[in-house]
Amino acid sequence: MAKVAVLGFGTVGSGVYEIIRDKSFIKTAGEEIDVKYLLDIRDFDNDEIKPYLTKDFNDIINDDEITVVAEVMGGLHPAYEFTKQLLQKGVSVVTSNKELVATYGPELLELAKENNALYMFEASVGGGIPVIRPMTICTKANDIKKIAGILNGTTNYILNEMFAKGKDFESALSDAQAKGYAEKNPAADVEGHDACRKLAILSSMAWGRFVDYNKIPTEGICNITLEDVKYAEAQNCVIKLIGYADVDAEGKIYASVSPMLVSKDMIISSVCDVFNAVSVTGDSLGEAMFYGRGAGKLPTASAVVADIIDCVRHSDSKPHNIEWEVTDEDIMQNYECKKHTYFVRCADTKENIKKYFDNAEFVEIKDNELGFTAADIAENEFRAALENVNSPIAVFKRL
């Protein structure tokens, strides 16, 4: 019987416990899996879990029966210190902690390899959506060219409420908080940080080199207005918070997180509510889409338990097929030279805009304001030309 411990008995941790308690997957794992410890600093009245509860990490690290640990605490500390100690001992660790993976992933993967353990993190991106494992195994015959996705369910819900029900940002955010989709402090979601960390993990997976999320330009959705919604709809588009990454011929990586105009002709435009979707494009495969609930107790816990099962199945021979190279070389593309198609709202005239954007296409839905599209222009050239436009109100890239 494989003995496991769960670090953190919050939403995801309790889900992990419930799924393992069901024990319906014993044949899949090859042997029975049982929870021996639930680590949490809080007190619980639940008599069922009291035999497993501990507040002392030493109970886990000093117990040689523990072979796999699920770290679902969140945050960097003490999650990092606990994970490091476990891997150094040769105990495999699975996690849903995208901040930890995006910050210390290379070090923890190397520690796992050195100590014949596994470090797995399917649940760190897209909750219960299987995307890490397919990128590790199923797309091996491909050179991945591009990743684009809705990586945060909270922002997707808010934007969908703005488009479908005409709510302004603050009202949609309050509704998301009331339904438990957004935290009391929603900054990590609405400012794009959560999506940025997930994109860094996906990019590192795709191209085998550690992408530092601190180097990814990130913009959230806080400034989106109902006027922006009207302009998007006038162009048969929606606005989505998109994590986007690609690689050029020299192997340089471009990555960004920002609200983008997405044509309703694109499948990803129809992803609503708290759902996530990740599009991965390979040279042989073409585009593959991974879609599902990006968060939630049981969807996320199911991905954690799937990683636990893999660790148990490979307890004798551990496949170390995830490696992220860390190099002093600058692996990122020059963002200023990256070409995009932009949409701009402004209070200017067509005549003046045409002086600086000769290929501009215009959208007019209200007096004393217009929108225009500037296609296939480098960011530095766009920003320089935009300085000559009177009163720019909002700028969006197009997916």
Protein backbone atom coordinates (compact mmCIF):
# COMPACT_ATOMS: atom_id res chain seq x y z
CA MET A 1 0.00 0.00 0.00
CA ALA A 2 1.29 3.45 -0.97
CA LYS A 3 1.16 5.96 1.87
CA VAL A 4 0.74 9.62 0.93
CA ALA A 5 0.53 12.93 2.76
CA VAL A 6 -1.36 16.08 1.80
CA LEU A 7 0.12 19.48 2.67
CA GLY A 8 -2.81 21.87 3.07
CA PHE A 9 -6.41 20.88 3.80
CA GLY A 10 -8.16 23.71 2.00
CA THR A 11 -10.39 23.47 -1.05
CA VAL A 12 -8.02 21.39 -3.20
CA GLY A 13 -6.54 19.41 -0.30
CA SER A 14 -9.95 18.27 0.90
CA GLY A 15 -10.79 17.28 -2.68
CA VAL A 16 -7.62 15.18 -2.92
CA TYR A 17 -8.56 13.42 0.31
CA GLU A 18 -12.11 12.72 -0.88
CA ILE A 19 -10.98 11.26 -4.21
CA ILE A 20 -8.37 9.01 -2.59
CA ARG A 21 -10.89 7.93 0.05
CA ASP A 22 -13.13 6.70 -2.79
CA LYS A 23 -10.34 4.29 -3.87
CA SER A 24 -12.06 3.61 -7.20
CA PHE A 25 -8.75 3.82 -9.08
CA ILE A 26 -6.73 1.13 -7.26
CA LYS A 27 -6.31 -0.91 -10.46
CA THR A 28 -5.06 2.17 -12.30
CA ALA A 29 -2.38 2.83 -9.70
CA GLY A 30 -1.36 -0.83 -9.42
CA GLU A 31 -1.74 -0.82 -5.65
CA GLU A 32 -3.92 0.73 -2.98
CA ILE A 33 -3.27 4.36 -2.08
CA ASP A 34 -4.00 5.63 1.40
CA VAL A 35 -3.71 9.06 3.05
CA LYS A 36 -1.64 8.91 6.24
CA TYR A 37 -1.27 12.63 7.02
CA LEU A 38 -3.18 15.84 6.41
CA LEU A 39 -1.00 18.83 7.30
CA ASP A 40 -2.74 22.07 8.26
CA ILE A 41 -2.21 24.67 10.99
CA ARG A 42 -5.97 25.03 11.55
CA ASP A 43 -8.24 23.00 13.82
CA PHE A 44 -11.09 20.96 12.32
CA ASP A 45 -14.19 19.48 13.97
CA ASN A 46 -14.53 16.71 11.39
CA ASP A 47 -14.12 13.44 13.31
CA GLU A 48 -13.39 11.52 10.11
CA ILE A 49 -10.17 13.38 9.38
CA LYS A 50 -8.89 13.84 12.96
CA PRO A 51 -6.75 10.65 12.89
CA TYR A 52 -4.83 12.03 9.90
CA LEU A 53 -4.36 15.65 10.98
CA THR A 54 -1.00 17.08 11.98
CA LYS A 55 0.42 20.57 12.37
CA ASP A 56 4.02 19.36 12.37
CA PHE A 57 5.80 18.80 9.04
CA ASN A 58 8.40 16.71 10.88
CA ASP A 59 5.80 13.97 11.29
CA ILE A 60 5.80 13.62 7.50
CA ILE A 61 9.46 14.13 6.63
CA ASN A 62 10.55 11.66 9.32
CA ASP A 63 8.09 8.93 8.32
CA ASP A 64 9.75 6.52 5.89
CA GLU A 65 6.38 5.04 4.87
CA ILE A 66 5.49 8.23 2.99
CA THR A 67 6.43 7.87 -0.68
CA VAL A 68 4.35 10.64 -2.31
CA VAL A 69 3.28 14.04 -0.98
CA ALA A 70 0.67 16.39 -2.48
CA GLU A 71 1.63 20.03 -1.88
CA VAL A 72 -1.58 22.06 -2.21
CA MET A 73 -0.77 24.80 0.28
CA GLY A 74 -0.27 27.60 -2.23
CA GLY A 75 2.23 30.44 -1.93
CA LEU A 76 6.00 30.19 -1.93
CA HIS A 77 6.81 29.68 1.72
CA PRO A 78 6.88 27.25 3.44
CA ALA A 79 5.78 25.27 0.36
CA TYR A 80 9.23 25.66 -1.22
CA GLU A 81 11.14 24.57 1.90
CA PHE A 82 8.86 21.57 2.48
CA THR A 83 9.04 20.47 -1.17
CA LYS A 84 12.81 20.80 -1.23
CA GLN A 85 13.25 18.68 1.90
CA LEU A 86 10.96 15.98 0.57
CA LEU A 87 12.69 15.75 -2.80
CA GLN A 88 16.12 15.67 -1.14
CA LYS A 89 14.90 12.65 0.82
CA GLY A 90 13.72 10.97 -2.38
CA VAL A 91 10.00 11.47 -1.78
CA SER A 92 8.00 12.36 -4.90
CA VAL A 93 5.96 15.55 -4.77
CA VAL A 94 2.91 16.59 -6.81
CA THR A 95 1.49 20.10 -6.69
CA SER A 96 -1.17 22.52 -7.88
CA ASN A 97 0.99 25.49 -6.84
CA LYS A 98 1.66 27.48 -10.02
CA GLU A 99 3.56 30.22 -8.17
CA LEU A 100 6.02 27.68 -6.76
CA VAL A 101 6.51 25.87 -10.09
CA ALA A 102 6.93 29.13 -12.02
CA THR A 103 9.49 30.42 -9.50
CA TYR A 104 11.53 27.36 -8.48
CA GLY A 105 10.63 24.80 -11.15
CA PRO A 106 14.13 24.17 -12.55
CA GLU A 107 15.67 23.68 -9.11
CA LEU A 108 12.92 21.34 -7.91
CA LEU A 109 12.96 19.28 -11.13
CA GLU A 110 16.73 18.88 -10.81
CA LEU A 111 16.42 17.88 -7.14
CA ALA A 112 13.85 15.24 -8.10
CA LYS A 113 16.18 13.83 -10.75
CA GLU A 114 19.19 13.79 -8.42
CA ASN A 115 17.28 11.93 -5.71
CA ASN A 116 15.30 9.48 -7.87
CA ALA A 117 12.01 11.18 -7.10
CA LEU A 118 9.34 12.82 -9.25
CA TYR A 119 8.11 16.40 -9.24
CA MET A 120 4.80 16.67 -11.08
CA PHE A 121 2.46 19.63 -11.53
CA GLU A 122 -0.40 18.87 -13.92
CA ALA A 123 -2.84 20.80 -11.70
CA SER A 124 -0.73 23.98 -11.75
CA VAL A 125 -2.10 25.00 -15.17
CA GLY A 126 -5.76 24.74 -16.09
CA GLY A 127 -6.95 22.99 -12.93
CA GLY A 128 -8.36 19.64 -14.05
CA ILE A 129 -7.61 20.16 -17.76
CA PRO A 130 -4.93 17.67 -18.90
CA VAL A 131 -2.43 19.87 -20.70
CA ILE A 132 0.97 19.34 -19.03
CA ARG A 133 0.98 15.58 -19.60
CA PRO A 134 0.00 15.83 -23.30
CA MET A 135 2.71 18.45 -23.83
CA THR A 136 5.21 16.12 -22.15
CA ILE A 137 4.22 12.91 -23.90
CA CYS A 138 1.70 13.27 -26.72
CA THR A 139 3.33 16.10 -28.65
CA LYS A 140 6.88 14.70 -28.60
CA ALA A 141 6.83 14.26 -32.37
CA ASN A 142 6.17 17.99 -32.81
CA ASP A 143 8.08 21.20 -32.58
CA ILE A 144 5.62 23.41 -30.74
CA LYS A 145 5.26 26.72 -32.53
CA LYS A 146 2.65 28.59 -30.55
CA ILE A 147 0.57 28.58 -27.36
CA ALA A 148 -2.51 30.73 -26.86
CA GLY A 149 -5.06 30.39 -24.15
CA ILE A 150 -7.58 31.57 -21.62
CA LEU A 151 -5.67 30.64 -18.48
CA ASN A 152 -7.75 32.26 -15.77
CA GLY A 153 -11.37 31.38 -15.11
CA THR A 154 -12.13 34.39 -12.91
CA THR A 155 -11.28 36.93 -15.59
CA ASN A 156 -13.08 34.90 -18.22
CA TYR A 157 -16.23 34.92 -16.09
CA ILE A 158 -16.00 38.69 -15.55
CA LEU A 159 -15.52 39.43 -19.25
CA ASN A 160 -18.35 37.09 -20.20
CA GLU A 161 -20.67 38.91 -17.79
CA MET A 162 -19.68 42.22 -19.38
CA PHE A 163 -20.47 40.96 -22.87
CA ALA A 164 -23.50 38.77 -22.16
CA LYS A 165 -25.24 40.87 -19.51
CA GLY A 166 -23.88 44.38 -19.97
CA LYS A 167 -22.37 44.59 -16.49
CA ASP A 168 -19.52 46.99 -15.92
CA PHE A 169 -16.22 45.64 -14.58
CA GLU A 170 -16.88 46.44 -10.91
CA SER A 171 -20.34 44.84 -10.97
CA ALA A 172 -19.08 41.72 -12.74
CA LEU A 173 -16.19 41.43 -10.26
CA SER A 174 -18.55 41.76 -7.28
CA ASP A 175 -20.73 39.01 -8.76
CA ALA A 176 -17.69 36.77 -9.24
CA GLN A 177 -16.70 37.33 -5.61
CA ALA A 178 -20.22 36.60 -4.38
CA LYS A 179 -20.17 33.27 -6.26
CA GLY A 180 -16.73 32.34 -4.93
CA TYR A 181 -15.03 32.64 -8.33
CA ALA A 182 -12.88 35.59 -7.22
CA GLU A 183 -10.95 36.14 -4.00
CA LYS A 184 -11.64 39.02 -1.64
CA ASN A 185 -8.36 40.44 -2.98
CA PRO A 186 -8.66 39.58 -6.69
CA ALA A 187 -5.41 41.23 -7.82
CA ALA A 188 -3.64 38.02 -8.85
CA ASP A 189 -6.51 37.24 -11.24
CA VAL A 190 -7.67 40.59 -12.60
CA GLU A 191 -4.15 42.03 -12.95
CA GLY A 192 -3.02 39.01 -14.96
CA HIS A 193 -0.41 37.57 -12.57
CA ASP A 194 -2.06 34.16 -12.28
CA ALA A 195 -2.28 33.78 -16.06
CA CYS A 196 1.31 34.98 -16.40
CA ARG A 197 2.67 32.26 -14.11
CA LYS A 198 0.70 29.60 -15.93
CA LEU A 199 1.96 30.86 -19.30
CA ALA A 200 5.54 30.75 -18.01
CA ILE A 201 5.06 27.09 -17.05
CA LEU A 202 3.53 26.20 -20.43
CA SER A 203 6.30 28.03 -22.29
CA SER A 204 8.98 26.27 -20.26
CA MET A 205 7.27 22.94 -21.03
CA ALA A 206 6.98 23.72 -24.73
CA TRP A 207 10.56 24.76 -25.35
CA GLY A 208 12.53 23.09 -22.54
CA ARG A 209 14.02 26.33 -21.24
CA PHE A 210 13.02 28.13 -18.09
CA VAL A 211 10.87 31.16 -18.89
CA ASP A 212 10.94 33.64 -16.01
CA TYR A 213 7.43 35.01 -15.49
CA ASN A 214 8.95 38.29 -14.29
CA LYS A 215 10.08 38.87 -17.89
CA ILE A 216 6.64 38.39 -19.42
CA PRO A 217 4.80 41.68 -20.18
CA THR A 218 1.51 41.40 -18.33
CA GLU A 219 -1.66 43.49 -18.43
CA GLY A 220 -4.91 42.72 -16.67
CA ILE A 221 -8.56 43.54 -17.31
CA CYS A 222 -9.21 46.26 -14.70
CA ASN A 223 -9.42 49.07 -17.25
CA ILE A 224 -11.84 47.42 -19.67
CA THR A 225 -15.10 49.35 -20.04
CA LEU A 226 -18.48 48.74 -21.60
CA GLU A 227 -17.43 51.13 -24.39
CA ASP A 228 -14.60 48.70 -25.20
CA VAL A 229 -17.20 45.92 -25.29
CA LYS A 230 -19.29 47.87 -27.82
CA TYR A 231 -16.30 48.43 -30.10
CA ALA A 232 -15.40 44.73 -29.93
CA GLU A 233 -18.95 43.69 -30.79
CA ALA A 234 -19.00 46.12 -33.72
CA GLN A 235 -16.08 44.14 -35.15
CA ASN A 236 -17.66 40.72 -34.47
CA CYS A 237 -15.17 40.17 -31.64
CA VAL A 238 -15.05 39.51 -27.92
CA ILE A 239 -12.36 40.50 -25.43
CA LYS A 240 -10.48 37.72 -23.66
CA LEU A 241 -7.48 37.77 -21.34
CA ILE A 242 -5.03 35.79 -23.46
CA GLY A 243 -1.73 34.21 -22.55
CA TYR A 244 0.23 34.01 -25.80
CA ALA A 245 3.67 32.59 -26.58
CA ASP A 246 5.56 31.63 -29.72
CA VAL A 247 9.11 30.89 -30.82
CA ASP A 248 11.03 32.31 -33.78
CA ALA A 249 13.45 30.63 -36.19
CA GLU A 250 16.39 31.36 -33.87
CA GLY A 251 14.64 29.73 -30.92
CA LYS A 252 13.85 33.00 -29.17
CA ILE A 253 10.63 32.98 -27.15
CA TYR A 254 7.95 35.66 -27.12
CA ALA A 255 5.37 35.62 -24.35
CA SER A 256 2.74 38.08 -23.15
CA VAL A 257 -0.49 38.28 -21.18
CA SER A 258 -3.04 40.93 -22.12
CA PRO A 259 -6.71 41.50 -23.00
CA MET A 260 -7.05 40.84 -26.72
CA LEU A 261 -9.74 41.19 -29.35
CA VAL A 262 -10.73 37.70 -30.47
CA SER A 263 -12.85 37.15 -33.56
CA LYS A 264 -16.08 35.24 -32.97
CA ASP A 265 -14.98 33.00 -35.84
CA MET A 266 -12.28 31.57 -33.55
CA ILE A 267 -13.24 28.62 -31.32
CA ILE A 268 -11.62 30.18 -28.26
CA SER A 269 -14.01 33.14 -28.43
CA SER A 270 -16.89 30.89 -27.32
CA VAL A 271 -15.19 29.76 -24.09
CA CYS A 272 -17.42 31.25 -21.38
CA ASP A 273 -18.02 31.25 -17.64
CA VAL A 274 -15.06 30.02 -15.53
CA PHE A 275 -13.80 27.64 -18.20
CA ASN A 276 -10.24 27.68 -19.52
CA ALA A 277 -8.93 26.73 -22.95
CA VAL A 278 -5.37 26.22 -24.16
CA SER A 279 -4.47 26.02 -27.83
CA VAL A 280 -1.15 24.35 -28.67
CA THR A 281 0.12 24.45 -32.25
CA GLY A 282 2.72 21.93 -33.43
CA ASP A 283 4.48 21.70 -36.75
CA SER A 284 3.03 18.25 -37.52
CA LEU A 285 -0.09 18.17 -35.37
CA GLY A 286 -1.40 21.61 -36.23
CA GLU A 287 -3.66 23.17 -33.60
CA ALA A 288 -4.91 21.14 -30.61
CA MET A 289 -7.31 22.60 -28.06
CA PHE A 290 -7.52 21.63 -24.38
CA TYR A 291 -10.73 22.81 -22.72
CA GLY A 292 -12.41 22.44 -19.34
CA ARG A 293 -12.81 23.81 -15.84
CA GLY A 294 -9.65 25.66 -14.94
CA ALA A 295 -10.30 25.67 -11.21
CA GLY A 296 -12.56 24.22 -8.55
CA LYS A 297 -12.25 21.65 -5.81
CA LEU A 298 -12.71 18.34 -7.59
CA PRO A 299 -11.44 19.25 -11.08
CA THR A 300 -8.13 20.48 -9.65
CA ALA A 301 -7.94 17.66 -7.11
CA SER A 302 -8.47 15.11 -9.89
CA ALA A 303 -5.34 16.36 -11.65
CA VAL A 304 -3.38 16.19 -8.37
CA VAL A 305 -4.52 12.61 -7.75
CA ALA A 306 -3.68 11.64 -11.35
CA ASP A 307 -0.11 12.77 -10.66
CA ILE A 308 -0.10 10.79 -7.40
CA ILE A 309 -1.17 7.70 -9.34
CA ASP A 310 1.68 8.23 -11.83
CA CYS A 311 4.18 8.53 -8.98
CA VAL A 312 2.91 5.28 -7.41
CA ARG A 313 2.98 3.45 -10.74
CA HIS A 314 6.56 4.55 -11.36
CA SER A 315 7.81 4.02 -7.81
CA ASP A 316 10.55 1.64 -9.01
CA SER A 317 11.59 3.32 -12.27
CA LYS A 318 11.04 7.07 -12.45
CA PRO A 319 10.87 8.73 -15.90
CA HIS A 320 12.58 12.10 -15.74
CA ASN A 321 11.17 13.54 -18.94
CA ILE A 322 10.75 17.17 -17.80
CA GLU A 323 13.89 19.27 -17.81
CA TRP A 324 14.08 23.06 -18.01
CA GLU A 325 17.41 24.47 -19.07
CA VAL A 326 18.53 27.57 -17.20
CA THR A 327 21.02 29.69 -19.10
CA ASP A 328 22.62 33.11 -18.87
CA GLU A 329 21.73 33.59 -22.54
CA ASP A 330 18.76 35.86 -23.19
CA ILE A 331 16.16 33.44 -24.57
CA MET A 332 13.41 36.03 -25.05
CA GLN A 333 12.59 37.79 -28.31
CA ASN A 334 13.00 41.55 -28.62
CA TYR A 335 9.49 42.61 -27.66
CA GLU A 336 9.80 45.99 -29.33
CA CYS A 337 10.32 44.36 -32.73
CA LYS A 338 7.43 41.90 -32.39
CA LYS A 339 4.68 42.60 -34.93
CA HIS A 340 1.01 42.70 -33.91
CA THR A 341 -2.29 43.98 -35.18
CA TYR A 342 -3.62 46.70 -32.87
CA PHE A 343 -6.99 48.26 -32.23
CA VAL A 344 -7.09 51.80 -30.83
CA ARG A 345 -9.91 53.95 -29.48
CA CYS A 346 -9.19 57.68 -29.69
CA ALA A 347 -10.63 61.18 -30.02
CA ASP A 348 -8.93 62.15 -33.28
CA THR A 349 -9.71 62.57 -36.97
CA LYS A 350 -9.28 60.04 -39.74
CA GLU A 351 -7.09 62.51 -41.60
CA ASN A 352 -4.57 62.80 -38.78
CA ILE A 353 -4.53 59.06 -38.06
CA LYS A 354 -3.89 58.28 -41.75
CA LYS A 355 -0.71 60.39 -41.60
CA TYR A 356 0.85 57.88 -39.22
CA PHE A 357 -1.08 54.67 -39.89
CA ASP A 358 -1.62 54.58 -43.65
CA ASN A 359 -3.32 51.15 -43.54
CA ALA A 360 -5.75 52.10 -40.76
CA GLU A 361 -9.29 50.72 -40.91
CA PHE A 362 -11.92 52.63 -38.95
CA VAL A 363 -14.84 51.79 -36.68
CA GLU A 364 -17.30 54.49 -35.61
CA ILE A 365 -20.01 53.89 -33.02
CA LYS A 366 -20.26 57.24 -31.17
CA ASP A 367 -19.76 60.96 -31.72
CA ASN A 368 -16.38 62.62 -31.13
CA GLU A 369 -14.57 59.28 -31.00
CA LEU A 370 -13.49 56.54 -33.35
CA GLY A 371 -11.61 53.29 -33.38
CA PHE A 372 -9.03 52.11 -35.87
CA THR A 373 -7.06 48.97 -36.62
CA ALA A 374 -3.35 49.06 -37.48
CA ALA A 375 -2.25 45.76 -38.97
CA ASP A 376 1.08 43.94 -38.78
CA ILE A 377 3.23 46.62 -37.19
CA ALA A 378 6.20 46.29 -34.83
CA GLU A 379 5.49 47.41 -31.28
CA ASN A 380 8.18 50.09 -31.23
CA GLU A 381 6.91 51.53 -34.52
CA PHE A 382 3.33 51.42 -33.27
CA ARG A 383 4.15 53.20 -30.00
CA ALA A 384 6.13 55.89 -31.82
CA ALA A 385 3.30 56.55 -34.27
CA LEU A 386 0.68 56.49 -31.50
CA GLU A 387 2.38 59.47 -29.84
CA ASN A 388 1.05 61.57 -32.72
CA VAL A 389 -2.56 60.47 -32.23
CA ASN A 390 -4.74 62.78 -30.17
CA SER A 391 -6.27 61.42 -26.96
CA PRO A 392 -5.82 57.63 -27.26
CA ILE A 393 -8.34 56.04 -24.90
CA ALA A 394 -7.67 52.31 -25.12
CA VAL A 395 -5.35 49.96 -26.99
CA PHE A 396 -5.84 46.24 -27.64
CA LYS A 397 -3.92 43.64 -29.57
CA ARG A 398 -5.78 41.19 -31.79
CA LEU A 399 -5.27 37.46 -31.41
